[in-house]
C-alpha atoms as a PDB file:
ATOM      1  CA  MET A   1      -0.151  21.179  76.884  1.00  0.00           C
ATOM      2  CA  GLY A   2       0.926  19.781  73.520  1.00  0.00           C
ATOM      3  CA  ALA A   3       4.644  19.906  74.409  1.00  0.00           C
ATOM      4  CA  ARG A   4       4.007  18.232  77.762  1.00  0.00           C
ATOM      5  CA  LEU A   5       2.017  15.463  76.095  1.00  0.00           C
ATOM      6  CA  THR A   6       4.827  14.917  73.570  1.00  0.00           C
ATOM      7  CA  ILE A   7       7.383  14.641  76.366  1.00  0.00           C
ATOM      8  CA  ILE A   8       5.235  12.137  78.262  1.00  0.00           C
ATOM      9  CA  CYS A   9       4.641  10.097  75.093  1.00  0.00           C
ATOM     10  CA  ASP A  10       8.381  10.197  74.260  1.00  0.00           C
ATOM     11  CA  ALA A  11       9.262   9.079  77.803  1.00  0.00           C
ATOM     12  CA  ARG A  12       6.818   6.177  77.565  1.00  0.00           C
ATOM     13  CA  HIS A  13       8.238   5.198  74.182  1.00  0.00           C
ATOM     14  CA  ILE A  14      11.796   5.302  75.541  1.00  0.00           C
ATOM     15  CA  ASN A  15      10.719   3.268  78.580  1.00  0.00           C
ATOM     16  CA  GLU A  16       9.105   0.651  76.320  1.00  0.00           C
ATOM     17  CA  GLU A  17      12.259   0.452  74.182  1.00  0.00           C
ATOM     18  CA  THR A  18      14.436   0.195  77.286  1.00  0.00           C
ATOM     19  CA  ARG A  19      12.249  -2.560  78.738  1.00  0.00           C
ATOM     20  CA  GLU A  20      12.459  -4.533  75.497  1.00  0.00           C
ATOM     21  CA  ARG A  21      16.267  -4.225  75.353  1.00  0.00           C
ATOM     22  CA  SER A  22      16.988  -4.817  78.985  1.00  0.00           C
ATOM     23  CA  MET A  23      14.966  -7.605  80.475  1.00  0.00           C
ATOM     24  CA  ALA A  24      17.883 -10.041  80.281  1.00  0.00           C
ATOM     25  CA  LYS A  25      20.456  -7.477  81.489  1.00  0.00           C
ATOM     26  CA  ALA A  26      19.396  -7.063  85.101  1.00  0.00           C
ATOM     27  CA  PRO A  27      21.245  -9.543  87.286  1.00  0.00           C
ATOM     28  CA  PRO A  28      18.958 -11.919  89.164  1.00  0.00           C
ATOM     29  CA  SER A  29      18.093 -10.734  92.629  1.00  0.00           C
ATOM     30  CA  ALA A  30      16.145 -12.538  95.324  1.00  0.00           C
ATOM     31  CA  LYS A  31      15.844  -9.223  97.163  1.00  0.00           C
ATOM     32  CA  ARG A  32      14.151  -7.538  94.200  1.00  0.00           C
ATOM     33  CA  GLU A  33      11.864 -10.528  93.709  1.00  0.00           C
ATOM     34  CA  ARG A  34      10.913 -10.356  97.392  1.00  0.00           C
ATOM     35  CA  ILE A  35       9.659  -6.768  97.107  1.00  0.00           C
ATOM     36  CA  LYS A  36       8.239  -6.923  93.560  1.00  0.00           C
ATOM     37  CA  ALA A  37       4.638  -7.561  94.639  1.00  0.00           C
ATOM     38  CA  PHE A  38       4.796  -4.656  97.110  1.00  0.00           C
ATOM     39  CA  THR A  39       6.670  -2.142  94.905  1.00  0.00           C
ATOM     40  CA  PRO A  40       6.392  -3.397  91.323  1.00  0.00           C
ATOM     41  CA  ALA A  41       7.232  -0.044  89.714  1.00  0.00           C
ATOM     42  CA  LEU A  42      10.391   0.329  91.819  1.00  0.00           C
ATOM     43  CA  VAL A  43      11.599  -3.115  90.737  1.00  0.00           C
ATOM     44  CA  ASP A  44      10.717  -2.382  87.108  1.00  0.00           C
ATOM     45  CA  TYR A  45      12.657   0.900  87.222  1.00  0.00           C
ATOM     46  CA  THR A  46      15.605  -0.928  88.764  1.00  0.00           C
ATOM     47  CA  ASN A  47      15.565  -3.590  86.072  1.00  0.00           C
ATOM     48  CA  ASP A  48      14.722  -1.365  83.114  1.00  0.00           C
ATOM     49  CA  VAL A  49      16.313   1.993  83.854  1.00  0.00           C
ATOM     50  CA  ILE A  50      19.184   1.309  86.237  1.00  0.00           C
ATOM     51  CA  TYR A  51      20.405  -1.984  84.782  1.00  0.00           C
ATOM     52  CA  GLY A  52      18.796  -1.821  81.353  1.00  0.00           C
ATOM     53  CA  ASP A  53      19.850   1.713  80.459  1.00  0.00           C
ATOM     54  CA  LEU A  54      22.239   3.401  82.898  1.00  0.00           C
ATOM     55  CA  TRP A  55      24.611   0.447  83.321  1.00  0.00           C
ATOM     56  CA  GLU A  56      24.616  -0.139  79.544  1.00  0.00           C
ATOM     57  CA  ARG A  57      25.681   3.373  78.525  1.00  0.00           C
ATOM     58  CA  LYS A  58      28.996   3.373  76.664  1.00  0.00           C
ATOM     59  CA  ALA A  59      30.655   6.514  78.104  1.00  0.00           C
ATOM     60  CA  LEU A  60      31.839   4.561  81.168  1.00  0.00           C
ATOM     61  CA  SER A  61      32.803   0.928  81.411  1.00  0.00           C
ATOM     62  CA  LYS A  62      30.883  -1.335  83.788  1.00  0.00           C
ATOM     63  CA  ARG A  63      34.108  -1.599  85.785  1.00  0.00           C
ATOM     64  CA  ASP A  64      34.239   2.186  86.202  1.00  0.00           C
ATOM     65  CA  ARG A  65      30.537   2.303  87.028  1.00  0.00           C
ATOM     66  CA  SER A  66      31.144  -0.323  89.720  1.00  0.00           C
ATOM     67  CA  LEU A  67      33.957   1.725  91.274  1.00  0.00           C
ATOM     68  CA  ILE A  68      31.747   4.823  91.282  1.00  0.00           C
ATOM     69  CA  THR A  69      28.782   2.922  92.703  1.00  0.00           C
ATOM     70  CA  VAL A  70      30.837   1.326  95.477  1.00  0.00           C
ATOM     71  CA  ALA A  71      32.239   4.749  96.401  1.00  0.00           C
ATOM     72  CA  ALA A  72      28.755   6.289  96.430  1.00  0.00           C
ATOM     73  CA  LEU A  73      27.358   3.480  98.585  1.00  0.00           C
ATOM     74  CA  VAL A  74      30.248   3.827 101.039  1.00  0.00           C
ATOM     75  CA  ALA A  75      29.800   7.617 101.156  1.00  0.00           C
ATOM     76  CA  THR A  76      26.056   7.434 101.721  1.00  0.00           C
ATOM     77  CA  TYR A  77      26.289   4.549 104.214  1.00  0.00           C
ATOM     78  CA  ARG A  78      24.233   1.987 102.310  1.00  0.00           C
ATOM     79  CA  PRO A  79      25.608  -1.353 103.566  1.00  0.00           C
ATOM     80  CA  GLU A  80      22.565  -3.336 102.378  1.00  0.00           C
ATOM     81  CA  GLN A  81      23.135  -2.235  98.780  1.00  0.00           C
ATOM     82  CA  LEU A  82      26.910  -2.496  99.104  1.00  0.00           C
ATOM     83  CA  VAL A  83      26.648  -6.270  99.515  1.00  0.00           C
ATOM     84  CA  SER A  84      25.380  -6.927  95.996  1.00  0.00           C
ATOM     85  CA  HIS A  85      27.443  -4.173  94.397  1.00  0.00           C
ATOM     86  CA  LEU A  86      30.687  -5.580  95.812  1.00  0.00           C
ATOM     87  CA  ALA A  87      29.987  -8.893  94.100  1.00  0.00           C
ATOM     88  CA  ARG A  88      29.004  -7.035  90.931  1.00  0.00           C
ATOM     89  CA  ALA A  89      32.220  -4.984  91.084  1.00  0.00           C
ATOM     90  CA  ILE A  90      34.322  -8.145  91.241  1.00  0.00           C
ATOM     91  CA  ALA A  91      32.359  -9.572  88.297  1.00  0.00           C
ATOM     92  CA  ASN A  92      33.017  -6.332  86.398  1.00  0.00           C
ATOM     93  CA  GLY A  93      36.783  -6.625  86.875  1.00  0.00           C
ATOM     94  CA  VAL A  94      37.401  -4.547  89.997  1.00  0.00           C
ATOM     95  CA  THR A  95      39.921  -6.199  92.317  1.00  0.00           C
ATOM     96  CA  GLN A  96      39.625  -6.624  96.068  1.00  0.00           C
ATOM     97  CA  GLU A  97      42.695  -4.407  96.405  1.00  0.00           C
ATOM     98  CA  GLU A  98      40.939  -1.622  94.465  1.00  0.00           C
ATOM     99  CA  ILE A  99      37.801  -1.986  96.583  1.00  0.00           C
ATOM    100  CA  ALA A 100      39.904  -1.741  99.746  1.00  0.00           C
ATOM    101  CA  GLU A 101      41.534   1.398  98.344  1.00  0.00           C
ATOM    102  CA  VAL A 102      38.155   2.962  97.483  1.00  0.00           C
ATOM    103  CA  ILE A 103      36.932   2.299 101.020  1.00  0.00           C
ATOM    104  CA  THR A 104      40.111   3.788 102.517  1.00  0.00           C
ATOM    105  CA  HIS A 105      39.932   6.803 100.206  1.00  0.00           C
ATOM    106  CA  MET A 106      36.295   7.397 101.092  1.00  0.00           C
ATOM    107  CA  ALA A 107      37.139   7.457 104.808  1.00  0.00           C
ATOM    108  CA  PHE A 108      38.696  10.870 104.285  1.00  0.00           C
ATOM    109  CA  TYR A 109      35.863  12.239 102.173  1.00  0.00           C
ATOM    110  CA  ALA A 110      32.768  10.494 103.552  1.00  0.00           C
ATOM    111  CA  GLY A 111      33.761   9.842 107.136  1.00  0.00           C
ATOM    112  CA  TRP A 112      35.537   7.206 109.136  1.00  0.00           C
ATOM    113  CA  PRO A 113      32.412   5.408 110.412  1.00  0.00           C
ATOM    114  CA  ALA A 114      31.038   4.947 106.892  1.00  0.00           C
ATOM    115  CA  ALA A 115      34.349   3.503 105.693  1.00  0.00           C
ATOM    116  CA  MET A 116      34.726   1.238 108.721  1.00  0.00           C
ATOM    117  CA  SER A 117      31.212  -0.124 108.199  1.00  0.00           C
ATOM    118  CA  ALA A 118      31.916  -0.652 104.495  1.00  0.00           C
ATOM    119  CA  ALA A 119      35.122  -2.488 105.359  1.00  0.00           C
ATOM    120  CA  GLN A 120      33.141  -4.856 107.586  1.00  0.00           C
ATOM    121  CA  VAL A 121      30.714  -5.549 104.729  1.00  0.00           C
ATOM    122  CA  ALA A 122      33.580  -6.043 102.268  1.00  0.00           C
ATOM    123  CA  VAL A 123      35.336  -8.574 104.512  1.00  0.00           C
ATOM    124  CA  THR A 124      32.079 -10.456 105.027  1.00  0.00           C
ATOM    125  CA  VAL A 125      31.301 -10.573 101.289  1.00  0.00           C
ATOM    126  CA  LEU A 126      34.723 -10.750  99.650  1.00  0.00           C
ATOM    127  CA  VAL A 127      36.911 -12.535 102.174  1.00  0.00           C
ATOM    128  CA  GLU A 128      34.422 -14.732 104.027  1.00  0.00           C
ATOM    129  CA  GLY A 129      32.215 -15.258 100.957  1.00  0.00           C
ATOM    130  CA  ASN A 130      28.932 -14.500 102.715  1.00  0.00           C
ATOM    131  CA  GLU A 131      26.765 -12.489 100.310  1.00  0.00           C
ATOM    132  CA  GLY A 132      23.825 -12.702 102.683  1.00  0.00           C
ATOM    133  CA  ALA A 133      25.608 -10.233 104.948  1.00  0.00           C
END
């Protein structure tokens, strides 16, 4: 029981430190604000853990993390999340040409329909400039 309690206390301490460091690091999101009252813990984890810790780790650049995230969202057919991550990828230095190549590459590993859907989202967001896709 003592070891379990220590782990829980350590996790809470880490979470408090992460929250203190990260509040300004999560990009603004109307979609997260919309669901915050309904799922406050989910939004807090997104802000504090995903953006406040994971995206700030030094082993990979934000650019590389964006490429990986875009590929994962294409592979798992997550067009709703792909919208914001395409804009984030561009902000992190990924080019439209690289995004197009990731989508094409993923067609062979994740399936043609997933890549075709991602391409539609990418054109809407990156070419037509509609981030409300």
